[in-house]
Amino acid sequence: MHIREFQKLISQKYEKRDRERGIPGTFLWFIEEVGELATALASQDHENREEEFADVFAWLCTLANIGDIDLEKACRKYTSGELEGFKPK
């Protein structure tokens, strides 16, 4: 699945409610998930880490959706070869 496809899936499921909540409220949910990821990273529970990474990515997609940002397009700066200091393997 491409980033754009996942972002669209998140939009279809949650965007109406997320837009009603707005960016400030949604950002707080995102930060809460980042905190849960931080806790998971400190543990040895791989399944929980995986779950929290997914949650953070889903909430990032939500923020991008209500901010009218195409994440796949935004990530092109890392794949275009024009970013100074980026050294692909």
Protein backbone atom coordinates (compact mmCIF):
# COMPACT_ATOMS: atom_id res chain seq x y z
CA MET A 1 0.00 0.00 0.00
CA HIS A 2 1.26 3.46 -0.85
CA ILE A 3 1.16 6.36 1.60
CA ARG A 4 -1.55 8.06 -0.45
CA GLU A 5 -3.74 4.96 -0.30
CA PHE A 6 -3.40 4.72 3.48
CA GLN A 7 -4.07 8.44 3.87
CA LYS A 8 -7.22 8.03 1.76
CA LEU A 9 -8.36 5.08 3.88
CA ILE A 10 -7.93 7.16 7.04
CA SER A 11 -9.83 10.00 5.36
CA GLN A 12 -12.74 7.77 4.43
CA LYS A 13 -13.05 6.42 7.96
CA TYR A 14 -12.37 9.48 10.10
CA GLU A 15 -12.08 12.78 8.23
CA LYS A 16 -15.57 14.13 8.88
CA ARG A 17 -15.18 13.74 12.65
CA ASP A 18 -11.56 14.91 12.56
CA ARG A 19 -12.42 18.10 10.68
CA GLU A 20 -15.12 18.82 13.25
CA ARG A 21 -12.53 18.40 16.03
CA GLY A 22 -10.12 20.70 14.16
CA ILE A 23 -6.36 20.80 13.94
CA PRO A 24 -5.63 21.87 17.55
CA GLY A 25 -7.71 19.07 19.09
CA THR A 26 -6.46 16.52 16.61
CA PHE A 27 -2.87 17.55 17.25
CA LEU A 28 -3.39 16.79 20.96
CA TRP A 29 -4.53 13.27 20.06
CA PHE A 30 -1.46 12.91 17.84
CA ILE A 31 0.85 14.01 20.66
CA GLU A 32 -0.82 11.53 23.03
CA GLU A 33 -0.05 8.77 20.54
CA VAL A 34 3.56 9.96 20.24
CA GLY A 35 3.78 9.66 24.03
CA GLU A 36 2.45 6.11 23.86
CA LEU A 37 5.07 5.35 21.20
CA ALA A 38 7.78 6.75 23.46
CA THR A 39 6.65 4.42 26.22
CA ALA A 40 6.54 1.48 23.83
CA LEU A 41 10.05 2.24 22.58
CA ALA A 42 11.31 2.03 26.15
CA SER A 43 9.88 -1.47 26.47
CA GLN A 44 10.85 -4.78 24.94
CA ASP A 45 7.33 -5.40 23.60
CA HIS A 46 7.75 -5.50 19.83
CA GLU A 47 4.02 -5.94 19.15
CA ASN A 48 3.18 -2.86 21.20
CA ARG A 49 5.87 -0.85 19.41
CA GLU A 50 4.41 -1.90 16.07
CA GLU A 51 0.92 -0.93 17.19
CA GLU A 52 2.03 2.48 18.44
CA PHE A 53 3.98 3.24 15.25
CA ALA A 54 0.79 2.48 13.29
CA ASP A 55 -1.26 4.72 15.57
CA VAL A 56 1.18 7.62 15.22
CA PHE A 57 1.20 7.23 11.43
CA ALA A 58 -2.61 7.11 11.31
CA TRP A 59 -2.90 10.29 13.38
CA LEU A 60 -0.23 11.97 11.22
CA CYS A 61 -2.36 11.08 8.18
CA THR A 62 -5.38 12.56 9.94
CA LEU A 63 -3.56 15.83 10.56
CA ALA A 64 -2.40 15.90 6.95
CA ASN A 65 -5.94 15.25 5.73
CA ILE A 66 -7.51 18.08 7.68
CA GLY A 67 -4.57 20.32 6.77
CA ASP A 68 -5.05 19.45 3.09
CA ILE A 69 -1.54 17.95 2.77
CA ASP A 70 -0.74 15.02 0.50
CA LEU A 71 1.87 13.16 2.56
CA GLU A 72 3.14 11.12 -0.36
CA LYS A 73 3.79 14.32 -2.30
CA ALA A 74 5.34 15.98 0.75
CA CYS A 75 7.75 13.04 1.17
CA ARG A 76 9.13 13.53 -2.34
CA LYS A 77 11.73 15.88 -0.90
CA TYR A 78 13.44 12.74 0.40
CA THR A 79 13.29 10.87 -2.90
CA SER A 80 13.93 13.63 -5.44
CA GLY A 81 17.70 13.68 -4.94
CA GLU A 82 17.59 17.42 -4.34
CA LEU A 83 17.76 17.39 -0.54
CA GLU A 84 21.20 18.40 0.69
CA GLY A 85 22.62 16.19 3.38
CA PHE A 86 20.40 13.25 2.49
CA LYS A 87 22.56 10.26 1.68
CA PRO A 88 20.65 7.29 0.31
CA LYS A 89 22.23 3.91 0.81
